[in-house]
Amino acid sequence: ESSALDALRTRLLPMATLVTPNLPEAELLIGERIEDLDAMHG
């Protein structure tokens, strides 16, 4: 849910040594579509 996504962004992302998202998860985190390798770099 949205509140959990906000908590993950604010509490756990800064605490992590490494984050390992797949593309749909990264899209939720950054709020943008990722459709090719250039977009992955962005």
PDB file of all heavy atoms in Angstrom:
ATOM      1  N   GLU A   1       0.841  -1.186   0.000  1.00  0.00           N
ATOM      2  CA  GLU A   1       0.000   0.000   0.000  1.00  0.00           C
ATOM      3  C   GLU A   1       0.886   1.250   0.000  1.00  0.00           C
ATOM      4  O   GLU A   1       2.088   1.183   0.247  1.00  0.00           O
ATOM      5  CB  GLU A   1      -0.908  -0.026   1.229  1.00  0.00           C
ATOM      6  CG  GLU A   1      -0.141   0.009   2.514  1.00  0.00           C
ATOM      7  CD  GLU A   1      -0.741  -0.883   3.599  1.00  0.00           C
ATOM      8  OE1 GLU A   1      -1.438  -1.847   3.275  1.00  0.00           O
ATOM      9  OE2 GLU A   1      -0.489  -0.592   4.770  1.00  0.00           O
ATOM     10  N   SER A   2       0.293   2.407  -0.272  1.00  0.00           N
ATOM     11  CA  SER A   2       1.066   3.640  -0.427  1.00  0.00           C
ATOM     12  C   SER A   2       1.862   3.991   0.824  1.00  0.00           C
ATOM     13  O   SER A   2       3.010   4.427   0.753  1.00  0.00           O
ATOM     14  CB  SER A   2       0.136   4.802  -0.784  1.00  0.00           C
ATOM     15  OG  SER A   2      -0.464   4.586  -2.037  1.00  0.00           O
ATOM     16  N   SER A   3       1.270   3.809   2.004  1.00  0.00           N
ATOM     17  CA  SER A   3       1.977   4.152   3.238  1.00  0.00           C
ATOM     18  C   SER A   3       3.207   3.281   3.430  1.00  0.00           C
ATOM     19  O   SER A   3       4.240   3.731   3.942  1.00  0.00           O
ATOM     20  CB  SER A   3       1.049   4.014   4.442  1.00  0.00           C
ATOM     21  OG  SER A   3       0.585   2.679   4.570  1.00  0.00           O
ATOM     22  N   ALA A   4       3.112   2.013   3.014  1.00  0.00           N
ATOM     23  CA  ALA A   4       4.260   1.119   3.128  1.00  0.00           C
ATOM     24  C   ALA A   4       5.353   1.511   2.139  1.00  0.00           C
ATOM     25  O   ALA A   4       6.544   1.438   2.459  1.00  0.00           O
ATOM     26  CB  ALA A   4       3.821  -0.318   2.895  1.00  0.00           C
ATOM     27  N   LEU A   5       4.963   1.927   0.948  1.00  0.00           N
ATOM     28  CA  LEU A   5       5.947   2.367  -0.037  1.00  0.00           C
ATOM     29  C   LEU A   5       6.687   3.602   0.467  1.00  0.00           C
ATOM     30  O   LEU A   5       7.909   3.703   0.341  1.00  0.00           O
ATOM     31  CB  LEU A   5       5.255   2.664  -1.369  1.00  0.00           C
ATOM     32  CG  LEU A   5       6.140   3.174  -2.508  1.00  0.00           C
ATOM     33  CD1 LEU A   5       7.279   2.210  -2.800  1.00  0.00           C
ATOM     34  CD2 LEU A   5       5.292   3.407  -3.763  1.00  0.00           C
ATOM     35  N   ASP A   6       5.957   4.535   1.079  1.00  0.00           N
ATOM     36  CA  ASP A   6       6.599   5.727   1.641  1.00  0.00           C
ATOM     37  C   ASP A   6       7.564   5.348   2.764  1.00  0.00           C
ATOM     38  O   ASP A   6       8.663   5.904   2.866  1.00  0.00           O
ATOM     39  CB  ASP A   6       5.538   6.694   2.171  1.00  0.00           C
ATOM     40  CG  ASP A   6       4.722   7.332   1.059  1.00  0.00           C
ATOM     41  OD1 ASP A   6       5.194   7.330  -0.099  1.00  0.00           O
ATOM     42  OD2 ASP A   6       3.611   7.814   1.346  1.00  0.00           O
ATOM     43  N   ALA A   7       7.158   4.404   3.621  1.00  0.00           N
ATOM     44  CA  ALA A   7       8.029   3.970   4.715  1.00  0.00           C
ATOM     45  C   ALA A   7       9.276   3.296   4.178  1.00  0.00           C
ATOM     46  O   ALA A   7      10.382   3.496   4.702  1.00  0.00           O
ATOM     47  CB  ALA A   7       7.264   3.028   5.648  1.00  0.00           C
ATOM     48  N   LEU A   8       9.112   2.506   3.133  1.00  0.00           N
ATOM     49  CA  LEU A   8      10.274   1.851   2.533  1.00  0.00           C
ATOM     50  C   LEU A   8      11.246   2.884   1.973  1.00  0.00           C
ATOM     51  O   LEU A   8      12.459   2.788   2.181  1.00  0.00           O
ATOM     52  CB  LEU A   8       9.806   0.888   1.437  1.00  0.00           C
ATOM     53  CG  LEU A   8      10.850  -0.049   0.834  1.00  0.00           C
ATOM     54  CD1 LEU A   8      10.215  -1.364   0.422  1.00  0.00           C
ATOM     55  CD2 LEU A   8      11.527   0.586  -0.386  1.00  0.00           C
ATOM     56  N   ARG A   9      10.709   3.895   1.287  1.00  0.00           N
ATOM     57  CA  ARG A   9      11.562   4.949   0.716  1.00  0.00           C
ATOM     58  C   ARG A   9      12.321   5.707   1.809  1.00  0.00           C
ATOM     59  O   ARG A   9      13.514   5.954   1.686  1.00  0.00           O
ATOM     60  CB  ARG A   9      10.707   5.950  -0.062  1.00  0.00           C
ATOM     61  CG  ARG A   9      10.318   5.542  -1.465  1.00  0.00           C
ATOM     62  CD  ARG A   9       9.891   6.794  -2.232  1.00  0.00           C
ATOM     63  NE  ARG A   9       9.239   6.476  -3.497  1.00  0.00           N
ATOM     64  CZ  ARG A   9       7.933   6.548  -3.706  1.00  0.00           C
ATOM     65  NH1 ARG A   9       7.132   6.902  -2.714  1.00  0.00           N
ATOM     66  NH2 ARG A   9       7.425   6.267  -4.890  1.00  0.00           N
ATOM     67  N   THR A  10      11.614   6.100   2.861  1.00  0.00           N
ATOM     68  CA  THR A  10      12.207   7.007   3.838  1.00  0.00           C
ATOM     69  C   THR A  10      13.012   6.300   4.923  1.00  0.00           C
ATOM     70  O   THR A  10      13.997   6.849   5.421  1.00  0.00           O
ATOM     71  CB  THR A  10      11.110   7.862   4.505  1.00  0.00           C
ATOM     72  OG1 THR A  10      10.155   6.991   5.143  1.00  0.00           O
ATOM     73  CG2 THR A  10      10.413   8.728   3.480  1.00  0.00           C
ATOM     74  N   ARG A  11      12.633   5.060   5.288  1.00  0.00           N
ATOM     75  CA  ARG A  11      13.311   4.375   6.380  1.00  0.00           C
ATOM     76  C   ARG A  11      14.362   3.380   5.907  1.00  0.00           C
ATOM     77  O   ARG A  11      15.455   3.311   6.489  1.00  0.00           O
ATOM     78  CB  ARG A  11      12.289   3.612   7.249  1.00  0.00           C
ATOM     79  CG  ARG A  11      11.259   4.457   7.952  1.00  0.00           C
ATOM     80  CD  ARG A  11      11.826   5.403   9.007  1.00  0.00           C
ATOM     81  NE  ARG A  11      12.766   4.813   9.945  1.00  0.00           N
ATOM     82  CZ  ARG A  11      12.446   4.144  11.061  1.00  0.00           C
ATOM     83  NH1 ARG A  11      11.154   3.989  11.377  1.00  0.00           N
ATOM     84  NH2 ARG A  11      13.365   3.681  11.877  1.00  0.00           N
ATOM     85  N   LEU A  12      14.046   2.594   4.889  1.00  0.00           N
ATOM     86  CA  LEU A  12      14.938   1.487   4.534  1.00  0.00           C
ATOM     87  C   LEU A  12      15.920   1.811   3.415  1.00  0.00           C
ATOM     88  O   LEU A  12      17.067   1.350   3.445  1.00  0.00           O
ATOM     89  CB  LEU A  12      14.119   0.248   4.154  1.00  0.00           C
ATOM     90  CG  LEU A  12      13.328  -0.395   5.293  1.00  0.00           C
ATOM     91  CD1 LEU A  12      12.606  -1.644   4.801  1.00  0.00           C
ATOM     92  CD2 LEU A  12      14.238  -0.739   6.475  1.00  0.00           C
ATOM     93  N   LEU A  13      15.510   2.592   2.411  1.00  0.00           N
ATOM     94  CA  LEU A  13      16.434   2.893   1.321  1.00  0.00           C
ATOM     95  C   LEU A  13      17.724   3.547   1.828  1.00  0.00           C
ATOM     96  O   LEU A  13      18.817   3.123   1.441  1.00  0.00           O
ATOM     97  CB  LEU A  13      15.770   3.785   0.270  1.00  0.00           C
ATOM     98  CG  LEU A  13      14.752   3.134  -0.667  1.00  0.00           C
ATOM     99  CD1 LEU A  13      14.314   4.131  -1.730  1.00  0.00           C
ATOM    100  CD2 LEU A  13      15.286   1.874  -1.329  1.00  0.00           C
ATOM    101  N   PRO A  14      17.656   4.565   2.693  1.00  0.00           N
ATOM    102  CA  PRO A  14      18.904   5.176   3.160  1.00  0.00           C
ATOM    103  C   PRO A  14      19.743   4.251   4.040  1.00  0.00           C
ATOM    104  O   PRO A  14      20.939   4.460   4.199  1.00  0.00           O
ATOM    105  CB  PRO A  14      18.424   6.398   3.957  1.00  0.00           C
ATOM    106  CG  PRO A  14      17.026   6.646   3.496  1.00  0.00           C
ATOM    107  CD  PRO A  14      16.476   5.299   3.178  1.00  0.00           C
ATOM    108  N   MET A  15      19.123   3.231   4.607  1.00  0.00           N
ATOM    109  CA  MET A  15      19.811   2.317   5.514  1.00  0.00           C
ATOM    110  C   MET A  15      20.517   1.189   4.770  1.00  0.00           C
ATOM    111  O   MET A  15      21.422   0.536   5.302  1.00  0.00           O
ATOM    112  CB  MET A  15      18.770   1.731   6.482  1.00  0.00           C
ATOM    113  CG  MET A  15      19.313   0.976   7.656  1.00  0.00           C
ATOM    114  SD  MET A  15      17.949   0.467   8.736  1.00  0.00           S
ATOM    115  CE  MET A  15      17.388   2.055   9.345  1.00  0.00           C
ATOM    116  N   ALA A  16      20.104   0.944   3.529  1.00  0.00           N
ATOM    117  CA  ALA A  16      20.582  -0.217   2.786  1.00  0.00           C
ATOM    118  C   ALA A  16      21.986  -0.012   2.233  1.00  0.00           C
ATOM    119  O   ALA A  16      22.309   1.059   1.714  1.00  0.00           O
ATOM    120  CB  ALA A  16      19.621  -0.538   1.651  1.00  0.00           C
ATOM    121  N   THR A  17      22.810  -1.043   2.333  1.00  0.00           N
ATOM    122  CA  THR A  17      24.101  -1.074   1.655  1.00  0.00           C
ATOM    123  C   THR A  17      23.894  -1.210   0.157  1.00  0.00           C
ATOM    124  O   THR A  17      24.593  -0.590  -0.650  1.00  0.00           O
ATOM    125  CB  THR A  17      24.943  -2.257   2.167  1.00  0.00           C
ATOM    126  OG1 THR A  17      25.003  -2.222   3.590  1.00  0.00           O
ATOM    127  CG2 THR A  17      26.341  -2.238   1.572  1.00  0.00           C
ATOM    128  N   LEU A  18      22.924  -2.048  -0.216  1.00  0.00           N
ATOM    129  CA  LEU A  18      22.602  -2.315  -1.615  1.00  0.00           C
ATOM    130  C   LEU A  18      21.110  -2.551  -1.745  1.00  0.00           C
ATOM    131  O   LEU A  18      20.506  -3.224  -0.900  1.00  0.00           O
ATOM    132  CB  LEU A  18      23.361  -3.558  -2.110  1.00  0.00           C
ATOM    133  CG  LEU A  18      23.081  -4.005  -3.548  1.00  0.00           C
ATOM    134  CD1 LEU A  18      23.739  -3.043  -4.545  1.00  0.00           C
ATOM    135  CD2 LEU A  18      23.576  -5.425  -3.793  1.00  0.00           C
ATOM    136  N   VAL A  19      20.510  -2.011  -2.801  1.00  0.00           N
ATOM    137  CA  VAL A  19      19.102  -2.255  -3.128  1.00  0.00           C
ATOM    138  C   VAL A  19      19.047  -3.014  -4.442  1.00  0.00           C
ATOM    139  O   VAL A  19      19.772  -2.681  -5.387  1.00  0.00           O
ATOM    140  CB  VAL A  19      18.324  -0.925  -3.235  1.00  0.00           C
ATOM    141  CG1 VAL A  19      16.860  -1.188  -3.567  1.00  0.00           C
ATOM    142  CG2 VAL A  19      18.441  -0.141  -1.938  1.00  0.00           C
ATOM    143  N   THR A  20      18.188  -4.039  -4.534  1.00  0.00           N
ATOM    144  CA  THR A  20      18.165  -4.924  -5.705  1.00  0.00           C
ATOM    145  C   THR A  20      16.778  -4.978  -6.359  1.00  0.00           C
ATOM    146  O   THR A  20      16.164  -6.036  -6.421  1.00  0.00           O
ATOM    147  CB  THR A  20      18.611  -6.343  -5.320  1.00  0.00           C
ATOM    148  OG1 THR A  20      17.649  -6.912  -4.403  1.00  0.00           O
ATOM    149  CG2 THR A  20      19.985  -6.350  -4.689  1.00  0.00           C
ATOM    150  N   PRO A  21      16.256  -3.862  -6.860  1.00  0.00           N
ATOM    151  CA  PRO A  21      14.911  -3.885  -7.440  1.00  0.00           C
ATOM    152  C   PRO A  21      14.893  -4.485  -8.838  1.00  0.00           C
ATOM    153  O   PRO A  21      15.867  -4.403  -9.597  1.00  0.00           O
ATOM    154  CB  PRO A  21      14.543  -2.400  -7.492  1.00  0.00           C
ATOM    155  CG  PRO A  21      15.855  -1.715  -7.711  1.00  0.00           C
ATOM    156  CD  PRO A  21      16.861  -2.517  -6.926  1.00  0.00           C
ATOM    157  N   ASN A  22      13.749  -5.098  -9.192  1.00  0.00           N
ATOM    158  CA  ASN A  22      13.495  -5.373 -10.604  1.00  0.00           C
ATOM    159  C   ASN A  22      12.895  -4.108 -11.216  1.00  0.00           C
ATOM    160  O   ASN A  22      12.697  -3.096 -10.528  1.00  0.00           O
ATOM    161  CB  ASN A  22      12.602  -6.604 -10.783  1.00  0.00           C
ATOM    162  CG  ASN A  22      11.229  -6.462 -10.141  1.00  0.00           C
ATOM    163  OD1 ASN A  22      10.679  -5.367 -10.023  1.00  0.00           O
ATOM    164  ND2 ASN A  22      10.660  -7.568  -9.696  1.00  0.00           N
ATOM    165  N   LEU A  23      12.616  -4.123 -12.498  1.00  0.00           N
ATOM    166  CA  LEU A  23      12.184  -2.886 -13.153  1.00  0.00           C
ATOM    167  C   LEU A  23      10.824  -2.383 -12.665  1.00  0.00           C
ATOM    168  O   LEU A  23      10.669  -1.182 -12.422  1.00  0.00           O
ATOM    169  CB  LEU A  23      12.195  -3.066 -14.670  1.00  0.00           C
ATOM    170  CG  LEU A  23      13.574  -3.340 -15.282  1.00  0.00           C
ATOM    171  CD1 LEU A  23      13.500  -3.308 -16.805  1.00  0.00           C
ATOM    172  CD2 LEU A  23      14.620  -2.342 -14.793  1.00  0.00           C
ATOM    173  N   PRO A  24       9.802  -3.246 -12.488  1.00  0.00           N
ATOM    174  CA  PRO A  24       8.537  -2.718 -11.952  1.00  0.00           C
ATOM    175  C   PRO A  24       8.692  -2.109 -10.560  1.00  0.00           C
ATOM    176  O   PRO A  24       8.051  -1.103 -10.246  1.00  0.00           O
ATOM    177  CB  PRO A  24       7.631  -3.960 -11.919  1.00  0.00           C
ATOM    178  CG  PRO A  24       8.176  -4.851 -12.995  1.00  0.00           C
ATOM    179  CD  PRO A  24       9.661  -4.645 -12.937  1.00  0.00           C
ATOM    180  N   GLU A  25       9.553  -2.692  -9.734  1.00  0.00           N
ATOM    181  CA  GLU A  25       9.778  -2.133  -8.395  1.00  0.00           C
ATOM    182  C   GLU A  25      10.518  -0.800  -8.476  1.00  0.00           C
ATOM    183  O   GLU A  25      10.178   0.160  -7.757  1.00  0.00           O
ATOM    184  CB  GLU A  25      10.560  -3.141  -7.556  1.00  0.00           C
ATOM    185  CG  GLU A  25       9.722  -4.355  -7.187  1.00  0.00           C
ATOM    186  CD  GLU A  25      10.535  -5.569  -6.791  1.00  0.00           C
ATOM    187  OE1 GLU A  25      11.773  -5.567  -6.965  1.00  0.00           O
ATOM    188  OE2 GLU A  25       9.915  -6.545  -6.321  1.00  0.00           O
ATOM    189  N   ALA A  26      11.508  -0.722  -9.357  1.00  0.00           N
ATOM    190  CA  ALA A  26      12.222   0.542  -9.532  1.00  0.00           C
ATOM    191  C   ALA A  26      11.287   1.624 -10.058  1.00  0.00           C
ATOM    192  O   ALA A  26      11.384   2.789  -9.653  1.00  0.00           O
ATOM    193  CB  ALA A  26      13.401   0.347 -10.488  1.00  0.00           C
ATOM    194  N   GLU A  27      10.364   1.257 -10.956  1.00  0.00           N
ATOM    195  CA  GLU A  27       9.396   2.232 -11.474  1.00  0.00           C
ATOM    196  C   GLU A  27       8.537   2.801 -10.355  1.00  0.00           C
ATOM    197  O   GLU A  27       8.247   4.008 -10.328  1.00  0.00           O
ATOM    198  CB  GLU A  27       8.526   1.570 -12.542  1.00  0.00           C
ATOM    199  CG  GLU A  27       9.260   1.309 -13.846  1.00  0.00           C
ATOM    200  CD  GLU A  27       8.409   0.572 -14.864  1.00  0.00           C
ATOM    201  OE1 GLU A  27       7.379  -0.036 -14.474  1.00  0.00           O
ATOM    202  OE2 GLU A  27       8.766   0.589 -16.056  1.00  0.00           O
ATOM    203  N   LEU A  28       8.109   1.946  -9.410  1.00  0.00           N
ATOM    204  CA  LEU A  28       7.324   2.435  -8.272  1.00  0.00           C
ATOM    205  C   LEU A  28       8.151   3.362  -7.392  1.00  0.00           C
ATOM    206  O   LEU A  28       7.658   4.384  -6.900  1.00  0.00           O
ATOM    207  CB  LEU A  28       6.807   1.258  -7.442  1.00  0.00           C
ATOM    208  CG  LEU A  28       5.548   0.559  -7.928  1.00  0.00           C
ATOM    209  CD1 LEU A  28       5.209  -0.604  -7.001  1.00  0.00           C
ATOM    210  CD2 LEU A  28       4.368   1.534  -7.996  1.00  0.00           C
ATOM    211  N   LEU A  29       9.413   3.024  -7.198  1.00  0.00           N
ATOM    212  CA  LEU A  29      10.264   3.825  -6.320  1.00  0.00           C
ATOM    213  C   LEU A  29      10.537   5.210  -6.895  1.00  0.00           C
ATOM    214  O   LEU A  29      10.556   6.203  -6.165  1.00  0.00           O
ATOM    215  CB  LEU A  29      11.582   3.100  -6.059  1.00  0.00           C
ATOM    216  CG  LEU A  29      11.510   1.895  -5.117  1.00  0.00           C
ATOM    217  CD1 LEU A  29      12.829   1.132  -5.124  1.00  0.00           C
ATOM    218  CD2 LEU A  29      11.169   2.346  -3.698  1.00  0.00           C
ATOM    219  N   ILE A  30      10.751   5.290  -8.215  1.00  0.00           N
ATOM    220  CA  ILE A  30      11.143   6.583  -8.807  1.00  0.00           C
ATOM    221  C   ILE A  30       9.985   7.274  -9.519  1.00  0.00           C
ATOM    222  O   ILE A  30      10.100   8.446  -9.896  1.00  0.00           O
ATOM    223  CB  ILE A  30      12.325   6.417  -9.777  1.00  0.00           C
ATOM    224  CG1 ILE A  30      11.919   5.611 -11.017  1.00  0.00           C
ATOM    225  CG2 ILE A  30      13.512   5.776  -9.074  1.00  0.00           C
ATOM    226  CD1 ILE A  30      13.004   5.531 -12.088  1.00  0.00           C
ATOM    227  N   GLY A  31       8.873   6.565  -9.750  1.00  0.00           N
ATOM    228  CA  GLY A  31       7.718   7.166 -10.398  1.00  0.00           C
ATOM    229  C   GLY A  31       7.886   7.398 -11.885  1.00  0.00           C
ATOM    230  O   GLY A  31       7.257   8.304 -12.444  1.00  0.00           O
ATOM    231  N   GLU A  32       8.715   6.596 -12.548  1.00  0.00           N
ATOM    232  CA  GLU A  32       8.948   6.741 -13.988  1.00  0.00           C
ATOM    233  C   GLU A  32       8.986   5.374 -14.655  1.00  0.00           C
ATOM    234  O   GLU A  32       9.367   4.384 -14.030  1.00  0.00           O
ATOM    235  CB  GLU A  32      10.282   7.466 -14.243  1.00  0.00           C
ATOM    236  CG  GLU A  32      10.357   8.871 -13.689  1.00  0.00           C
ATOM    237  CD  GLU A  32      11.731   9.494 -13.904  1.00  0.00           C
ATOM    238  OE1 GLU A  32      12.543   8.902 -14.641  1.00  0.00           O
ATOM    239  OE2 GLU A  32      11.990  10.565 -13.328  1.00  0.00           O
ATOM    240  N   ARG A  33       8.625   5.342 -15.945  1.00  0.00           N
ATOM    241  CA  ARG A  33       8.708   4.113 -16.710  1.00  0.00           C
ATOM    242  C   ARG A  33      10.159   3.815 -17.080  1.00  0.00           C
ATOM    243  O   ARG A  33      10.957   4.720 -17.315  1.00  0.00           O
ATOM    244  CB  ARG A  33       7.873   4.219 -17.997  1.00  0.00           C
ATOM    245  CG  ARG A  33       6.367   4.294 -17.774  1.00  0.00           C
ATOM    246  CD  ARG A  33       5.834   3.016 -17.157  1.00  0.00           C
ATOM    247  NE  ARG A  33       6.162   1.830 -17.944  1.00  0.00           N
ATOM    248  CZ  ARG A  33       5.438   1.395 -18.980  1.00  0.00           C
ATOM    249  NH1 ARG A  33       4.363   2.067 -19.367  1.00  0.00           N
ATOM    250  NH2 ARG A  33       5.799   0.310 -19.632  1.00  0.00           N
ATOM    251  N   ILE A  34      10.473   2.508 -17.154  1.00  0.00           N
ATOM    252  CA  ILE A  34      11.813   2.060 -17.552  1.00  0.00           C
ATOM    253  C   ILE A  34      11.623   1.057 -18.683  1.00  0.00           C
ATOM    254  O   ILE A  34      11.225  -0.083 -18.454  1.00  0.00           O
ATOM    255  CB  ILE A  34      12.565   1.404 -16.374  1.00  0.00           C
ATOM    256  CG1 ILE A  34      12.595   2.342 -15.170  1.00  0.00           C
ATOM    257  CG2 ILE A  34      13.972   1.002 -16.795  1.00  0.00           C
ATOM    258  CD1 ILE A  34      13.108   1.688 -13.897  1.00  0.00           C
ATOM    259  N   GLU A  35      11.908   1.508 -19.914  1.00  0.00           N
ATOM    260  CA  GLU A  35      11.561   0.691 -21.073  1.00  0.00           C
ATOM    261  C   GLU A  35      12.764   0.231 -21.888  1.00  0.00           C
ATOM    262  O   GLU A  35      12.607  -0.530 -22.828  1.00  0.00           O
ATOM    263  CB  GLU A  35      10.584   1.456 -21.963  1.00  0.00           C
ATOM    264  CG  GLU A  35       9.257   1.764 -21.264  1.00  0.00           C
ATOM    265  CD  GLU A  35       8.304   2.554 -22.145  1.00  0.00           C
ATOM    266  OE1 GLU A  35       8.791   3.313 -22.996  1.00  0.00           O
ATOM    267  OE2 GLU A  35       7.089   2.399 -21.970  1.00  0.00           O
ATOM    268  N   ASP A  36      13.971   0.716 -21.566  1.00  0.00           N
ATOM    269  CA  ASP A  36      15.153   0.295 -22.301  1.00  0.00           C
ATOM    270  C   ASP A  36      16.387   0.501 -21.431  1.00  0.00           C
ATOM    271  O   ASP A  36      16.295   0.971 -20.293  1.00  0.00           O
ATOM    272  CB  ASP A  36      15.282   1.043 -23.640  1.00  0.00           C
ATOM    273  CG  ASP A  36      15.244   2.556 -23.474  1.00  0.00           C
ATOM    274  OD1 ASP A  36      15.725   3.068 -22.437  1.00  0.00           O
ATOM    275  OD2 ASP A  36      14.730   3.237 -24.392  1.00  0.00           O
ATOM    276  N   LEU A  37      17.553   0.144 -21.975  1.00  0.00           N
ATOM    277  CA  LEU A  37      18.782   0.242 -21.192  1.00  0.00           C
ATOM    278  C   LEU A  37      19.121   1.681 -20.815  1.00  0.00           C
ATOM    279  O   LEU A  37      19.631   1.946 -19.717  1.00  0.00           O
ATOM    280  CB  LEU A  37      19.948  -0.384 -21.969  1.00  0.00           C
ATOM    281  CG  LEU A  37      20.037  -1.911 -21.934  1.00  0.00           C
ATOM    282  CD1 LEU A  37      21.128  -2.402 -22.875  1.00  0.00           C
ATOM    283  CD2 LEU A  37      20.310  -2.397 -20.512  1.00  0.00           C
ATOM    284  N   ASP A  38      18.845   2.631 -21.715  1.00  0.00           N
ATOM    285  CA  ASP A  38      19.098   4.033 -21.386  1.00  0.00           C
ATOM    286  C   ASP A  38      18.268   4.463 -20.183  1.00  0.00           C
ATOM    287  O   ASP A  38      18.751   5.176 -19.289  1.00  0.00           O
ATOM    288  CB  ASP A  38      18.794   4.929 -22.587  1.00  0.00           C
ATOM    289  CG  ASP A  38      19.831   4.813 -23.688  1.00  0.00           C
ATOM    290  OD1 ASP A  38      20.957   4.348 -23.393  1.00  0.00           O
ATOM    291  OD2 ASP A  38      19.520   5.168 -24.841  1.00  0.00           O
ATOM    292  N   ALA A  39      17.010   4.025 -20.169  1.00  0.00           N
ATOM    293  CA  ALA A  39      16.138   4.365 -19.036  1.00  0.00           C
ATOM    294  C   ALA A  39      16.610   3.686 -17.753  1.00  0.00           C
ATOM    295  O   ALA A  39      16.444   4.236 -16.659  1.00  0.00           O
ATOM    296  CB  ALA A  39      14.699   3.971 -19.358  1.00  0.00           C
ATOM    297  N   MET A  40      17.210   2.504 -17.867  1.00  0.00           N
ATOM    298  CA  MET A  40      17.773   1.844 -16.686  1.00  0.00           C
ATOM    299  C   MET A  40      18.901   2.682 -16.088  1.00  0.00           C
ATOM    300  O   MET A  40      19.003   2.833 -14.872  1.00  0.00           O
ATOM    301  CB  MET A  40      18.276   0.445 -17.040  1.00  0.00           C
ATOM    302  CG  MET A  40      17.178  -0.590 -17.250  1.00  0.00           C
ATOM    303  SD  MET A  40      17.836  -2.241 -17.682  1.00  0.00           S
ATOM    304  CE  MET A  40      18.707  -2.687 -16.161  1.00  0.00           C
ATOM    305  N   HIS A  41      19.751   3.242 -16.952  1.00  0.00           N
ATOM    306  CA  HIS A  41      20.819   4.111 -16.455  1.00  0.00           C
ATOM    307  C   HIS A  41      20.234   5.338 -15.746  1.00  0.00           C
ATOM    308  O   HIS A  41      20.726   5.751 -14.684  1.00  0.00           O
ATOM    309  CB  HIS A  41      21.725   4.541 -17.609  1.00  0.00           C
ATOM    310  CG  HIS A  41      22.701   3.487 -18.047  1.00  0.00           C
ATOM    311  ND1 HIS A  41      23.981   3.408 -17.558  1.00  0.00           N
ATOM    312  CD2 HIS A  41      22.567   2.457 -18.921  1.00  0.00           C
ATOM    313  CE1 HIS A  41      24.608   2.388 -18.110  1.00  0.00           C
ATOM    314  NE2 HIS A  41      23.769   1.785 -18.945  1.00  0.00           N
ATOM    315  N   GLY A  42      19.194   5.920 -16.324  1.00  0.00           N
ATOM    316  CA  GLY A  42      18.546   7.053 -15.682  1.00  0.00           C
ATOM    317  C   GLY A  42      17.904   6.675 -14.359  1.00  0.00           C
ATOM    318  O   GLY A  42      17.913   7.476 -13.406  1.00  0.00           O
TER     319      GLY A  42
END
